[in-house]
Amino acid sequence: GRLDVTGDSSNITINSGVTVSGQSSSDRFAIDTTDGTNTTITNNGNIGPTNLERYGIYHDTGSGSITKIDNKGTIEVNETGSGGVGVAIWNKSTIKNIENSGTIKSNTRNGIANGSGGVIDNINNTGTIWSVQKWAIKNITGQIGEIDNSGTIKSDDEVAIRNYGVGEITTITNSGTITADEQTIQVEAGAVINTINN
C-alpha cells in the first residue's frame, strides 16, 4: 500500500529485491512525501511497476522537502493507454538532488514532472530516464537548476526534455544521449534555458 512520509529527516532505504507497490485501493501512490521535510530516499529495489499506475514518488504542493532521491533500482509506473497520466517522480515542492543510476520510467506521461512552484536543484543521470508516450523530464512553470546527463534521457514518442510556461532550467550538460521521436529539448511559451553544454 501507500507509504506516507511525515516529520523531519526521514531516511528511507528500499533494499534490493524489495518492491513498493501502489496504494491498494487505487494503484495511485507508492511513496507520498508531501508532508515530510529533509527526506532522503535510497532505492536499490523497485518502486512499482506492480499495481502502480499513477505516481511513484509523489511530492505535491506544500512546505515539504526532499534532500535526495538516490535511485539505483527502478521507479516505474505501469499505466498504459493514450489518456494515461502516470508519473514516476512528481514534484510541486522542493527536491535538492535526484541521483539516478538506475531506471526512472513512465509508460504514459512523465518520467520526472516538476510543476508549478516546484524546485529541483539538480538532476544527475547516469542511468535511464524514459517516457514511452510523452515527456521524460517535464518542467512546467517550475525551476530546475542543473540537468547533468551522462546516461540516457529518452521519449519513444514526443519530447525528452520539455520546458514550458514560465519554467526555467539553468543548465543542461550532456555527455550522454538525449533522444526523442519529436523534439529532444523543447522550450515553449516564455520558458527559459540559460545554458546547454553538449
Protein backbone atom coordinates (compact mmCIF):
# COMPACT_ATOMS: atom_id res chain seq x y z
CA GLY A 1 0.00 0.00 0.00
CA ARG A 2 0.84 3.67 0.18
CA LEU A 3 3.86 4.78 2.21
CA ASP A 4 3.19 8.24 3.73
CA VAL A 5 6.23 10.16 4.94
CA THR A 6 5.76 12.83 7.62
CA GLY A 7 8.03 14.63 10.07
CA ASP A 8 11.61 15.77 9.67
CA SER A 9 14.72 13.96 8.38
CA SER A 10 13.19 10.61 7.46
CA ASN A 11 15.64 8.21 5.81
CA ILE A 12 14.01 5.58 3.61
CA THR A 13 16.01 2.72 2.11
CA ILE A 14 14.44 0.17 -0.23
CA ASN A 15 16.70 -2.85 -0.41
CA SER A 16 17.47 -4.91 -3.48
CA GLY A 17 14.70 -7.43 -4.12
CA VAL A 18 12.08 -5.31 -2.34
CA THR A 19 9.10 -3.87 -4.27
CA VAL A 20 6.97 -0.95 -3.09
CA SER A 21 3.58 -1.13 -4.82
CA GLY A 22 0.86 1.46 -5.16
CA GLN A 23 -1.99 2.20 -2.79
CA SER A 24 -4.16 -0.92 -2.86
CA SER A 25 -7.45 0.92 -3.33
CA SER A 26 -6.47 2.90 -6.42
CA ASP A 27 -2.94 1.88 -7.56
CA ARG A 28 -2.09 5.57 -7.48
CA PHE A 29 0.67 6.22 -4.95
CA ALA A 30 3.72 4.28 -3.83
CA ILE A 31 5.51 6.91 -1.69
CA ASP A 32 3.89 10.23 -0.66
CA THR A 33 6.44 12.69 0.80
CA THR A 34 4.35 15.87 0.66
CA ASP A 35 4.22 16.28 4.46
CA GLY A 36 7.84 15.35 5.17
CA THR A 37 10.86 17.66 5.37
CA ASN A 38 14.51 16.84 4.63
CA THR A 39 13.50 13.37 3.45
CA THR A 40 16.11 11.05 1.92
CA ILE A 41 15.05 8.14 -0.29
CA THR A 42 17.53 5.47 -1.42
CA ASN A 43 16.11 2.91 -3.80
CA ASN A 44 18.06 -0.25 -4.53
CA GLY A 45 14.91 -2.22 -5.36
CA ASN A 46 11.69 -1.38 -7.17
CA ILE A 47 9.12 1.35 -6.72
CA GLY A 48 6.39 -0.11 -8.93
CA PRO A 49 5.55 -1.19 -11.56
CA THR A 50 3.47 -3.76 -9.67
CA ASN A 51 -0.01 -2.30 -9.02
CA LEU A 52 1.29 1.23 -9.62
CA GLU A 53 -0.47 3.27 -12.26
CA ARG A 54 -0.14 6.91 -11.29
CA TYR A 55 2.73 8.13 -9.01
CA GLY A 56 5.96 6.51 -7.87
CA ILE A 57 7.24 9.29 -5.59
CA TYR A 58 4.59 11.98 -5.02
CA HIS A 59 5.83 15.30 -3.58
CA ASP A 60 2.96 17.75 -4.02
CA THR A 61 2.44 21.44 -3.18
CA GLY A 62 3.43 22.31 0.38
CA SER A 63 6.37 23.06 2.62
CA GLY A 64 7.82 19.57 2.35
CA SER A 65 11.36 18.98 1.11
CA ILE A 66 13.39 16.08 -0.19
CA THR A 67 17.12 16.28 0.38
CA LYS A 68 17.96 13.46 -2.03
CA ILE A 69 16.41 10.74 -4.14
CA ASP A 70 19.15 8.20 -4.91
CA ASN A 71 17.76 5.69 -7.37
CA LYS A 72 19.95 2.69 -8.13
CA GLY A 73 16.99 0.45 -8.92
CA THR A 74 13.75 1.08 -10.81
CA ILE A 75 10.97 3.63 -10.35
CA GLU A 76 8.25 2.76 -12.87
CA VAL A 77 4.54 3.44 -13.32
CA ASN A 78 2.73 0.89 -15.44
CA GLU A 79 -0.38 2.77 -16.58
CA THR A 80 -0.84 2.43 -20.34
CA GLY A 81 -3.15 3.93 -22.95
CA SER A 82 -3.19 7.26 -24.78
CA GLY A 83 -5.03 9.03 -21.91
CA GLY A 84 -2.68 7.83 -19.19
CA VAL A 85 -1.05 10.30 -16.78
CA GLY A 86 1.44 8.10 -14.93
CA VAL A 87 4.40 9.95 -13.39
CA ALA A 88 7.42 8.21 -11.83
CA ILE A 89 8.52 11.28 -9.79
CA TRP A 90 6.05 14.17 -9.25
CA ASN A 91 7.23 17.42 -7.61
CA LYS A 92 5.49 20.69 -6.75
CA SER A 93 7.63 21.50 -3.72
CA THR A 94 11.42 21.22 -3.20
CA ILE A 95 13.84 18.47 -4.15
CA LYS A 96 17.53 19.24 -3.76
CA ASN A 97 19.05 16.30 -5.63
CA ILE A 98 17.90 13.44 -7.84
CA GLU A 99 20.71 10.94 -8.47
CA ASN A 100 19.73 8.25 -10.96
CA SER A 101 21.96 5.36 -11.93
CA GLY A 102 19.01 3.02 -12.43
CA THR A 103 15.77 3.49 -14.39
CA ILE A 104 13.05 6.12 -13.95
CA LYS A 105 10.22 5.25 -16.33
CA SER A 106 6.63 6.13 -17.20
CA ASN A 107 4.71 4.01 -19.67
CA THR A 108 2.46 7.01 -20.38
CA ARG A 109 3.19 10.61 -19.28
CA ASN A 110 6.29 11.74 -17.32
CA GLY A 111 9.46 10.20 -16.00
CA ILE A 112 10.07 13.30 -13.85
CA ALA A 113 7.48 16.11 -13.65
CA ASN A 114 8.30 19.44 -11.98
CA GLY A 115 5.15 21.57 -11.77
CA SER A 116 4.07 24.99 -10.55
CA GLY A 117 6.10 26.08 -7.53
CA GLY A 118 8.38 23.07 -7.87
CA VAL A 119 12.13 23.46 -7.40
CA ILE A 120 14.69 20.78 -8.24
CA ASP A 121 18.27 21.89 -7.68
CA ASN A 122 20.00 19.08 -9.56
CA ILE A 123 19.19 16.01 -11.66
CA ASN A 124 22.29 13.85 -12.18
CA ASN A 125 21.54 10.98 -14.54
CA THR A 126 23.97 8.19 -15.32
CA GLY A 127 21.17 5.68 -15.91
CA THR A 128 17.93 5.97 -17.91
CA ILE A 129 15.05 8.46 -17.61
CA TRP A 130 12.34 7.31 -20.00
CA SER A 131 8.81 8.13 -21.12
CA VAL A 132 7.14 5.74 -23.52
CA GLN A 133 4.46 8.19 -24.75
CA LYS A 134 5.16 11.77 -23.61
CA TRP A 135 7.98 13.55 -21.72
CA ALA A 136 10.97 12.05 -19.95
CA ILE A 137 11.59 15.26 -17.96
CA LYS A 138 8.86 17.92 -17.90
CA ASN A 139 9.26 21.33 -16.26
CA ILE A 140 6.08 23.42 -16.33
CA THR A 141 6.30 26.77 -14.50
CA GLY A 142 8.86 25.29 -12.11
CA GLN A 143 12.60 25.72 -11.65
CA ILE A 144 15.35 23.21 -12.30
CA GLY A 145 18.95 24.15 -11.57
CA GLU A 146 21.09 21.66 -13.49
CA ILE A 147 20.38 18.57 -15.52
CA ASP A 148 23.65 16.65 -15.85
CA ASN A 149 23.26 13.67 -18.16
CA SER A 150 25.89 11.08 -18.95
CA GLY A 151 23.30 8.32 -19.34
CA THR A 152 20.12 8.30 -21.45
CA ILE A 153 17.11 10.62 -21.41
CA LYS A 154 14.55 9.46 -23.94
CA SER A 155 10.99 9.58 -25.17
CA ASP A 156 9.73 6.92 -27.55
CA ASP A 157 7.07 9.28 -28.86
CA GLU A 158 7.21 13.02 -28.02
CA VAL A 159 9.83 15.06 -26.10
CA ALA A 160 12.85 14.08 -23.99
CA ILE A 161 13.12 17.38 -22.03
CA ARG A 162 10.13 19.75 -22.08
CA ASN A 163 10.38 23.24 -20.56
CA TYR A 164 7.10 25.18 -20.69
CA GLY A 165 5.33 28.30 -19.43
CA VAL A 166 7.48 30.34 -17.08
CA GLY A 167 9.61 27.28 -16.39
CA GLU A 168 13.34 27.85 -16.03
CA ILE A 169 16.24 25.44 -16.38
CA THR A 170 19.60 26.97 -15.55
CA THR A 171 21.93 24.45 -17.23
CA ILE A 172 21.71 21.24 -19.24
CA THR A 173 25.05 19.44 -19.53
CA ASN A 174 25.02 16.37 -21.76
CA SER A 175 27.78 13.86 -22.40
CA GLY A 176 25.34 11.01 -22.88
CA THR A 177 22.26 10.55 -25.08
CA ILE A 178 19.13 12.67 -25.34
CA THR A 179 16.71 11.22 -27.88
CA ALA A 180 13.05 11.51 -28.85
CA ASP A 181 10.67 10.91 -31.73
CA GLU A 182 9.69 14.60 -31.97
CA GLN A 183 11.93 17.05 -30.04
CA THR A 184 14.92 16.27 -27.85
CA ILE A 185 14.68 19.61 -26.00
CA GLN A 186 11.56 21.77 -26.25
CA VAL A 187 11.20 25.33 -24.92
CA GLU A 188 7.76 26.95 -25.22
CA ALA A 189 5.52 29.78 -24.04
CA GLY A 190 8.08 32.01 -22.34
CA ALA A 191 10.19 29.29 -20.74
CA VAL A 192 13.96 29.77 -20.44
CA ILE A 193 17.03 27.54 -20.60
CA ASN A 194 20.10 29.61 -19.80
CA THR A 195 22.87 27.26 -20.95
CA ILE A 196 23.16 24.00 -22.88
CA ASN A 197 26.54 22.25 -22.91
CA ASN A 198 26.55 19.26 -25.26
